[in-house]
Protein backbone atom coordinates (compact mmCIF):
# COMPACT_ATOMS: atom_id res chain seq x y z
CA MET A 1 -0.07 0.01 -0.01
CA SER A 2 1.57 3.16 -1.06
CA LYS A 3 -0.65 5.48 1.56
CA LYS A 4 0.07 4.99 5.30
CA VAL A 5 -2.63 2.85 6.54
CA ARG A 6 -4.66 4.71 9.23
CA VAL A 7 -7.84 3.08 10.65
CA ARG A 8 -10.29 3.95 13.65
CA PHE A 9 -12.67 2.68 16.09
CA ALA A 10 -15.25 5.20 16.44
CA PRO A 11 -18.01 3.92 19.22
CA SER A 12 -20.33 6.21 20.83
CA PRO A 13 -20.28 6.09 24.88
CA THR A 14 -23.65 4.88 25.74
CA GLY A 15 -22.97 1.54 27.70
CA GLY A 16 -20.89 -1.53 27.89
CA LEU A 17 -18.81 -2.32 25.14
CA HIS A 18 -20.39 -5.31 23.46
CA LEU A 19 -18.52 -8.36 21.78
CA GLY A 20 -19.31 -7.44 18.79
CA GLY A 21 -17.48 -3.68 19.47
CA VAL A 22 -14.72 -5.35 20.64
CA ARG A 23 -13.94 -7.57 17.56
CA THR A 24 -14.08 -4.62 15.71
CA VAL A 25 -11.42 -2.61 17.30
CA LEU A 26 -9.29 -6.20 16.88
CA TYR A 27 -9.50 -6.32 13.25
CA ASN A 28 -8.97 -2.63 12.77
CA TYR A 29 -6.00 -3.23 15.54
CA LEU A 30 -4.79 -6.27 13.52
CA PHE A 31 -4.81 -4.63 9.90
CA ALA A 32 -3.63 -1.48 11.37
CA ARG A 33 -0.58 -3.12 13.04
CA HIS A 34 0.18 -5.78 10.09
CA HIS A 35 0.45 -2.77 7.31
CA GLY A 36 2.30 -0.69 10.06
CA GLY A 37 -0.20 1.47 9.94
CA ASP A 38 -2.25 3.83 13.24
CA PHE A 39 -4.88 3.05 14.87
CA ILE A 40 -6.76 5.55 16.30
CA LEU A 41 -9.95 6.18 18.67
CA ARG A 42 -12.65 8.67 18.20
CA ILE A 43 -15.52 9.27 20.58
CA GLU A 44 -18.27 9.70 18.77
CA ASP A 45 -20.49 11.78 21.25
CA THR A 46 -22.68 13.78 19.20
CA ASP A 47 -26.09 12.70 20.83
CA GLN A 48 -25.69 14.24 24.05
CA SER A 49 -29.26 12.56 24.92
CA ARG A 50 -27.78 9.01 24.81
CA PHE A 51 -24.34 10.01 26.84
CA VAL A 52 -23.51 7.50 30.09
CA GLU A 53 -21.74 9.09 32.57
CA GLY A 54 -18.35 6.61 32.69
CA ALA A 55 -18.85 4.83 29.67
CA GLU A 56 -15.84 6.71 28.00
CA GLN A 57 -13.27 5.65 30.40
CA TYR A 58 -14.94 2.28 30.11
CA ILE A 59 -14.26 1.70 26.46
CA LYS A 60 -10.66 2.61 27.14
CA ASP A 61 -10.48 0.15 30.14
CA CYS A 62 -11.48 -2.43 27.71
CA LEU A 63 -9.21 -1.67 25.42
CA ASN A 64 -6.30 -1.32 27.92
CA TRP A 65 -7.26 -4.72 29.38
CA CYS A 66 -7.59 -6.57 25.78
CA GLY A 67 -3.84 -4.63 24.95
CA LEU A 68 -4.96 -2.98 21.94
CA ASN A 69 -4.28 0.66 23.18
CA PRO A 70 -4.74 3.11 20.16
CA ASP A 71 -1.43 5.17 18.86
CA GLU A 72 -4.15 8.28 18.91
CA GLY A 73 -7.30 9.50 20.88
CA PRO A 74 -8.88 11.45 23.52
CA ASP A 75 -6.04 10.13 26.02
CA GLN A 76 -2.95 9.96 23.59
CA GLY A 77 -3.23 13.18 21.50
CA GLY A 78 -2.01 13.42 18.62
CA PRO A 79 -1.86 15.67 14.85
CA PHE A 80 -5.50 15.64 14.53
CA LYS A 81 -7.06 15.92 17.93
CA PRO A 82 -9.82 17.06 19.26
CA TYR A 83 -10.51 13.52 19.04
CA ARG A 84 -13.99 13.63 20.64
CA GLN A 85 -17.13 15.11 18.12
CA SER A 86 -18.77 16.95 20.96
CA GLU A 87 -15.50 19.39 20.71
CA ARG A 88 -15.29 19.63 16.86
CA LYS A 89 -18.97 21.04 16.57
CA ALA A 90 -17.99 24.22 14.69
CA ASP A 91 -16.60 22.03 11.49
CA TYR A 92 -19.85 20.51 11.12
CA GLY A 93 -21.76 23.42 10.52
CA ALA A 94 -19.63 24.72 8.04
CA TYR A 95 -19.61 21.32 5.65
CA ALA A 96 -23.54 21.03 6.32
CA GLU A 97 -24.18 24.73 5.13
CA LYS A 98 -21.26 24.04 2.17
CA LEU A 99 -23.60 20.85 0.88
CA VAL A 100 -26.69 23.11 1.59
CA LYS A 101 -25.05 26.01 -0.76
CA ASP A 102 -23.97 23.44 -3.34
CA GLY A 103 -27.66 21.50 -4.09
CA TYR A 104 -26.74 18.72 -2.30
CA ALA A 105 -28.56 19.14 1.02
CA TYR A 106 -31.47 21.40 2.43
CA TYR A 107 -33.08 22.92 5.19
CA ALA A 108 -36.47 21.23 6.98
CA PHE A 109 -38.72 22.89 9.04
CA ASP A 110 -41.06 20.25 9.88
CA THR A 111 -42.37 20.09 13.28
CA PRO A 112 -42.57 16.36 14.73
CA GLU A 113 -46.44 16.90 14.30
CA GLU A 114 -46.15 17.51 10.90
CA LEU A 115 -43.77 14.47 10.60
CA GLU A 116 -46.38 12.33 12.23
CA LYS A 117 -49.17 13.58 9.92
CA MET A 118 -46.59 12.73 6.88
CA ARG A 119 -46.17 8.97 8.26
CA THR A 120 -49.71 8.11 8.69
CA ASP A 121 -50.28 10.25 5.34
CA PHE A 122 -48.13 8.50 3.41
CA LYS A 123 -48.34 4.68 4.99
CA THR A 124 -49.79 2.11 2.98
CA SER A 125 -49.94 -1.45 2.94
CA GLU A 126 -46.76 -1.51 0.72
CA ASN A 127 -45.15 1.05 2.87
CA PRO A 128 -45.95 0.90 6.07
CA SER A 129 -43.33 2.97 7.77
CA PRO A 130 -42.99 5.98 4.97
CA GLN A 131 -39.54 8.12 5.31
CA TYR A 132 -38.63 11.77 4.31
CA ASN A 133 -37.41 10.89 1.15
CA SER A 134 -37.04 12.24 -2.78
CA VAL A 135 -40.86 11.53 -3.04
CA VAL A 136 -41.79 12.60 0.41
CA ARG A 137 -40.21 15.76 0.59
CA ASN A 138 -42.06 17.58 -2.11
CA SER A 139 -44.99 17.88 0.12
CA MET A 140 -43.45 19.34 3.32
CA ARG A 141 -42.08 22.56 4.67
CA ASN A 142 -38.57 22.73 3.30
CA SER A 143 -36.29 24.58 1.24
CA LEU A 144 -37.01 22.68 -1.68
CA THR A 145 -41.01 23.74 -1.65
CA LEU A 146 -41.15 27.28 -0.09
CA PRO A 147 -40.14 30.65 -1.42
CA ALA A 148 -36.57 31.83 -0.72
CA ASP A 149 -38.04 35.06 1.38
CA GLU A 150 -39.76 32.49 3.67
CA VAL A 151 -37.18 30.02 3.83
CA ALA A 152 -34.86 33.52 4.66
CA GLY A 153 -37.30 34.37 7.38
CA LEU A 154 -37.82 30.86 9.11
CA LEU A 155 -33.78 30.42 9.19
CA LYS A 156 -33.91 33.10 12.03
CA THR A 157 -37.04 32.29 13.72
CA ILE A 158 -37.74 28.38 14.29
CA PRO A 159 -35.72 25.16 15.13
CA TYR A 160 -34.64 23.68 11.63
CA VAL A 161 -32.45 20.38 10.29
CA ILE A 162 -30.34 19.97 7.23
CA ARG A 163 -31.49 17.07 5.66
CA ILE A 164 -29.20 15.31 2.18
CA LYS A 165 -30.96 15.23 -1.06
CA MET A 166 -30.54 11.84 -2.28
CA PRO A 167 -30.91 11.85 -6.06
CA LEU A 168 -33.56 10.25 -7.95
CA ASN A 169 -33.09 6.93 -9.22
CA GLU A 170 -29.30 6.38 -9.13
CA ASP A 171 -27.47 3.59 -8.98
CA ILE A 172 -24.20 3.89 -6.09
CA SER A 173 -22.05 1.15 -5.87
CA PHE A 174 -18.95 0.66 -3.97
CA LYS A 175 -16.16 -2.29 -3.20
CA ASP A 176 -16.21 -3.69 -0.11
CA LEU A 177 -13.45 -5.53 0.97
CA ILE A 178 -15.46 -8.48 2.29
CA ARG A 179 -18.76 -8.42 -0.02
CA GLY A 180 -17.29 -7.53 -3.11
CA GLU A 181 -19.49 -4.91 -5.26
CA VAL A 182 -22.34 -3.40 -3.68
CA THR A 183 -24.74 -1.58 -5.03
CA PHE A 184 -27.62 0.27 -3.77
CA ASN A 185 -30.38 2.75 -5.86
CA SER A 186 -30.85 5.73 -4.59
CA ASP A 187 -34.44 5.56 -4.34
CA GLN A 188 -34.44 2.96 -1.44
CA VAL A 189 -32.83 5.67 0.77
CA ASP A 190 -34.29 8.40 2.61
CA ASP A 191 -32.98 12.44 2.90
CA LYS A 192 -30.98 11.45 6.01
CA VAL A 193 -30.90 14.61 8.61
CA LEU A 194 -27.30 15.52 8.82
CA LEU A 195 -27.36 18.34 10.95
CA LYS A 196 -29.88 18.89 13.90
CA ALA A 197 -31.83 21.62 14.92
CA ASP A 198 -29.29 22.02 18.08
CA GLY A 199 -26.18 22.38 15.93
CA MET A 200 -24.63 18.71 16.37
CA PRO A 201 -23.95 16.89 13.45
CA THR A 202 -26.05 12.99 13.33
CA TYR A 203 -23.30 10.54 12.60
CA HIS A 204 -23.86 10.55 8.90
CA LEU A 205 -22.09 13.64 8.30
CA ALA A 206 -19.49 13.56 11.48
CA VAL A 207 -17.90 10.42 10.34
CA VAL A 208 -17.52 11.37 6.70
CA VAL A 209 -16.15 14.77 7.86
CA ASP A 210 -13.53 13.18 10.56
CA ASP A 211 -12.83 10.13 8.80
CA HIS A 212 -11.52 12.97 5.78
CA ALA A 213 -9.79 15.21 8.52
CA MET A 214 -8.19 12.46 10.19
CA GLU A 215 -6.67 10.88 7.07
CA ILE A 216 -8.54 7.79 7.33
CA THR A 217 -7.50 5.05 4.66
CA HIS A 218 -9.63 1.98 5.73
CA ALA A 219 -13.42 1.96 7.32
CA PHE A 220 -14.37 -1.33 8.93
CA ARG A 221 -17.71 -1.25 10.68
CA GLY A 222 -20.50 -3.98 11.53
CA GLU A 223 -22.68 -4.78 8.92
CA GLU A 224 -25.50 -3.12 10.44
CA TRP A 225 -24.17 0.03 8.77
CA LEU A 226 -24.14 -1.36 5.45
CA PRO A 227 -27.46 0.83 4.50
CA SER A 228 -25.69 3.88 5.35
CA ALA A 229 -23.13 3.25 3.14
CA PRO A 230 -24.78 4.99 0.15
CA VAL A 231 -25.13 8.26 2.33
CA HIS A 232 -21.78 8.08 3.14
CA ILE A 233 -20.55 7.69 -0.07
CA LEU A 234 -22.44 10.17 -1.70
CA LEU A 235 -21.24 12.85 1.31
CA TRP A 236 -17.84 12.20 0.50
CA LYS A 237 -18.44 12.56 -3.44
CA TYR A 238 -20.79 16.13 -3.18
CA LEU A 239 -17.83 17.42 -0.20
CA GLY A 240 -14.92 17.30 -2.96
CA TRP A 241 -13.21 14.00 -1.33
CA GLU A 242 -14.47 11.17 -3.57
CA ASP A 243 -10.58 10.68 -4.39
CA VAL A 244 -9.82 10.11 -0.81
CA MET A 245 -12.90 8.08 0.18
CA PRO A 246 -11.42 5.24 2.50
CA ASP A 247 -11.97 1.61 1.66
CA TRP A 248 -14.61 0.35 3.28
CA ALA A 249 -15.15 -3.27 4.96
CA HIS A 250 -18.68 -4.37 6.51
CA LEU A 251 -18.01 -6.98 9.16
CA PRO A 252 -19.96 -10.05 9.31
CA LEU A 253 -22.69 -10.00 12.48
CA ILE A 254 -21.69 -11.88 15.75
CA LEU A 255 -25.06 -14.13 15.66
CA LYS A 256 -26.90 -16.24 18.54
CA PRO A 257 -25.57 -19.45 19.50
CA ASP A 258 -28.48 -21.19 17.87
CA GLY A 259 -27.37 -19.02 14.95
CA ASN A 260 -31.26 -17.15 14.55
CA GLY A 261 -30.27 -13.35 14.69
CA LYS A 262 -27.82 -10.81 16.42
CA LEU A 263 -26.10 -11.68 20.01
CA SER A 264 -27.59 -9.20 22.25
CA LYS A 265 -26.98 -8.65 26.11
CA ARG A 266 -30.51 -10.34 26.68
CA ASP A 267 -28.84 -13.29 25.49
CA GLY A 268 -26.16 -13.68 27.55
CA ASP A 269 -28.58 -12.99 30.55
CA ARG A 270 -31.17 -15.56 29.34
CA LEU A 271 -28.41 -18.28 28.61
CA GLY A 272 -25.73 -17.41 31.50
CA PHE A 273 -22.73 -16.02 29.80
CA PRO A 274 -21.30 -12.74 29.14
CA VAL A 275 -21.48 -10.41 26.16
CA PHE A 276 -19.31 -7.53 27.53
CA ALA A 277 -15.17 -7.64 28.01
CA MET A 278 -15.83 -6.16 31.48
CA ASP A 279 -18.21 -6.17 34.06
CA TRP A 280 -20.26 -2.76 33.21
CA LYS A 281 -22.78 -1.00 35.95
CA ASP A 282 -25.17 1.50 34.51
CA PRO A 283 -25.10 4.58 36.16
CA LYS A 284 -28.96 5.52 36.51
CA SER A 285 -30.03 1.71 36.94
CA ASN A 286 -27.18 0.34 38.97
CA GLU A 287 -27.47 -3.24 36.75
CA LEU A 288 -24.44 -4.73 37.10
CA THR A 289 -23.73 -7.16 33.83
CA THR A 290 -20.69 -9.49 33.97
CA GLY A 291 -17.77 -8.99 31.46
CA PHE A 292 -15.59 -11.61 30.21
CA LYS A 293 -12.26 -10.73 32.64
CA GLU A 294 -14.57 -10.63 35.55
CA ARG A 295 -15.39 -14.48 34.98
CA GLY A 296 -11.70 -15.56 34.59
CA PHE A 297 -10.79 -14.97 31.24
CA VAL A 298 -7.42 -13.90 30.45
CA PRO A 299 -6.98 -11.53 27.81
CA GLN A 300 -5.04 -13.58 25.51
CA ALA A 301 -7.82 -16.21 25.30
CA PHE A 302 -10.49 -13.12 25.02
CA VAL A 303 -8.63 -11.75 21.80
CA ASN A 304 -7.79 -15.06 20.76
CA MET A 305 -11.64 -16.00 20.59
CA LEU A 306 -12.74 -13.22 19.19
CA ALA A 307 -10.03 -13.29 16.45
CA MET A 308 -11.73 -16.83 15.47
CA LEU A 309 -15.22 -15.00 15.13
CA GLY A 310 -15.44 -14.34 11.59
CA TRP A 311 -11.56 -15.07 11.02
CA ASN A 312 -9.15 -17.94 10.18
CA ASP A 313 -5.55 -18.08 8.24
CA GLY A 314 -6.69 -21.22 6.33
CA THR A 315 -4.53 -23.74 8.25
CA GLY A 316 -7.12 -24.73 10.81
CA LYS A 317 -4.74 -23.10 13.62
CA GLU A 318 -6.73 -22.04 16.27
CA ILE A 319 -4.40 -21.07 18.94
CA PHE A 320 -2.42 -17.59 18.37
CA THR A 321 -0.91 -14.78 20.30
CA LEU A 322 -1.61 -11.03 19.36
CA ASP A 323 2.39 -10.85 17.54
CA GLU A 324 0.74 -13.84 15.71
CA LEU A 325 -2.45 -12.32 14.81
CA ILE A 326 -0.53 -9.28 13.42
CA GLU A 327 1.53 -11.44 11.09
CA LYS A 328 -1.18 -13.66 9.46
CA PHE A 329 -4.55 -11.29 9.72
CA SER A 330 -6.03 -10.01 6.15
CA MET A 331 -9.16 -8.84 5.24
CA ASP A 332 -9.52 -11.23 2.64
CA ARG A 333 -9.72 -14.07 5.24
CA VAL A 334 -12.87 -12.33 6.81
CA HIS A 335 -16.11 -13.97 6.61
CA SER A 336 -19.37 -12.69 4.94
CA SER A 337 -21.91 -14.43 6.97
CA GLY A 338 -22.25 -14.33 10.37
CA ALA A 339 -20.28 -16.34 13.38
CA LYS A 340 -22.33 -17.98 15.85
CA PHE A 341 -20.74 -17.29 19.25
CA ASP A 342 -20.27 -20.74 21.34
CA PHE A 343 -19.59 -19.96 25.12
CA GLU A 344 -17.87 -23.66 25.81
CA LYS A 345 -15.64 -22.83 22.59
CA ALA A 346 -14.91 -19.65 24.36
CA LYS A 347 -14.25 -21.45 27.48
CA TRP A 348 -12.04 -23.95 25.73
CA PHE A 349 -9.94 -20.94 24.26
CA ASN A 350 -9.01 -19.90 27.65
CA HIS A 351 -8.47 -23.46 29.33
CA GLU A 352 -5.81 -23.40 26.25
CA TRP A 353 -4.32 -20.10 27.09
CA ILE A 354 -4.04 -21.07 31.16
CA LYS A 355 -2.25 -24.01 30.30
CA GLN A 356 0.07 -22.12 28.63
CA LEU A 357 0.71 -19.22 31.00
CA PRO A 358 3.18 -19.43 33.74
CA ALA A 359 1.96 -19.01 37.32
CA SER A 360 2.89 -15.34 38.04
CA ASP A 361 0.69 -14.26 34.94
CA LEU A 362 -2.09 -15.77 36.60
CA ARG A 363 -1.33 -14.57 39.93
CA GLU A 364 -3.52 -11.38 40.11
CA LEU A 365 -6.31 -13.16 38.54
CA VAL A 366 -6.50 -15.63 40.47
CA LYS A 367 -6.21 -13.44 44.01
CA ALA A 368 -9.38 -11.66 42.33
CA VAL A 369 -11.52 -14.63 42.30
CA LEU A 370 -10.40 -15.80 45.55
CA LEU A 371 -11.25 -12.07 47.27
CA SER A 372 -14.50 -11.97 45.28
CA LYS A 373 -14.81 -15.31 47.70
CA GLU A 374 -13.32 -13.59 50.83
CA ILE A 375 -10.30 -15.48 50.73
CA SER A 376 -7.08 -13.43 51.12
CA VAL A 377 -3.54 -15.18 50.16
CA THR A 378 -0.54 -13.39 50.78
CA ASP A 379 2.04 -15.68 50.08
CA ASP A 380 2.71 -15.37 46.09
CA SER A 381 5.22 -18.27 45.90
CA TYR A 382 2.51 -20.63 47.99
CA LEU A 383 0.05 -19.47 45.06
CA ASP A 384 1.98 -20.10 42.45
CA ILE A 385 2.66 -23.93 43.10
CA VAL A 386 -0.75 -24.04 43.77
CA ILE A 387 -2.09 -22.72 40.09
CA ASP A 388 0.60 -24.96 38.73
CA MET A 389 -1.26 -28.07 40.23
CA VAL A 390 -4.60 -26.89 38.98
CA LYS A 391 -4.11 -25.18 35.86
CA GLU A 392 -4.13 -28.12 33.86
CA ARG A 393 -7.32 -29.58 35.35
C-alpha cells in the first residue's frame, strides 16, 4: 500500500462494550499493525441525549485490558486532535451549509407533529413505515418547496435541520473488501438528517467529515451500517473528497448460539454467559452486567477467541498470540456470513491459554477471584505452586 494505513474505532459512549464492538476494535488494530499503520480511537458523542457517564473511560479500560491501545485518541493526543466529536462541533455546521449552498442538501422546518402526519398520510400496506425521501420531501416544509424569502425568515425564527438531498433513481456502487461489489439505488434511501436542530451533526455527517480530517484510509464497521453506505459515499463525493475516500469493509454479525439473529445482552442474560468485555454497571439503573474479565478469562484467550469469530488463516490453527494474529491477519480471510457465538468454545480457548501461561501471569487473576470469595492469600510462592497444580485440569 502506497499510503500509510490509518484506521479508527469510533464508539458512542452509551454503555457497555459488546463482543461485536471489541471484535471491530481487534480487526482494525490487527489490520493497522499488519500494515505498519496507525490505530485511532475517536469518541462519537454527538448525541448527548444518549451519553452515559463513565462509558468513555470504560471503553478505554476494555481496550487496555485487551492490549489494543490506540496510537491516537482523547488521552494519547495526536496530529488531528481533538478526538471527541463534541469538541469538533464548529466544523460540521460549515460543511452542512456548504452542502446546502451546492444543492446537495436542504433546510427542513417540519415539526414533530407534521412528521407524524406525514407517516400517517403516506402509510400504505406496501409502505407501512414511510420515510422522508425524494417523493415525500416535495410535500413537506423545506427550502425545496418554500419561497426563498420565507426560508430566510424561518431560518432566523424557528428550529430546523439540514437533510441530504438524495438523487432520483441513481445507482450508488462501491467495493466492499469482504462482500465485493455492492450497489444501492438512491430511491431506496431516505433523506437523512445531517445536522440537527441543536447544531450537532448526526453520525452520517460527522463520520465523513472526521474520517477525511483524520486521513482515514480504511473504514471497518459492522454490517448493520451497510444501509448507510450510500449516504456516506455521496457525502464523500458531494464534499469533493471522492479521490481520498477510504476503502470499506462491513464486518459480519456475531450471532446467537442457535444462529437465529444478532447476539444481544439479553441473550447473555438468558443463557448465562457474558457479552461484554468487562463488568459494566449502568449508572442510572445500577444494573451490573458481568464481563469476560470478571468471569475468569485471560485477555490473551479473549482476544484469540474474538479473532476466530469470523476469520481464520486457512490452516485450521486456532491458538494464536497477538503477534501471530498481526502477522497472519488479512481482510480477505474475513467471512461475509455471520459467526455463531459458542460459550463452550470460548471457555476452551481460555483453558488452552491458562495451560500455557506461567503461574506468575495468572496470580493476580486468581487473587481477584479468591477475594470475591473473601479468601486472602499473601504468600505468592505458595499461590504459584497451587496454580501450577490445578491449571491443567
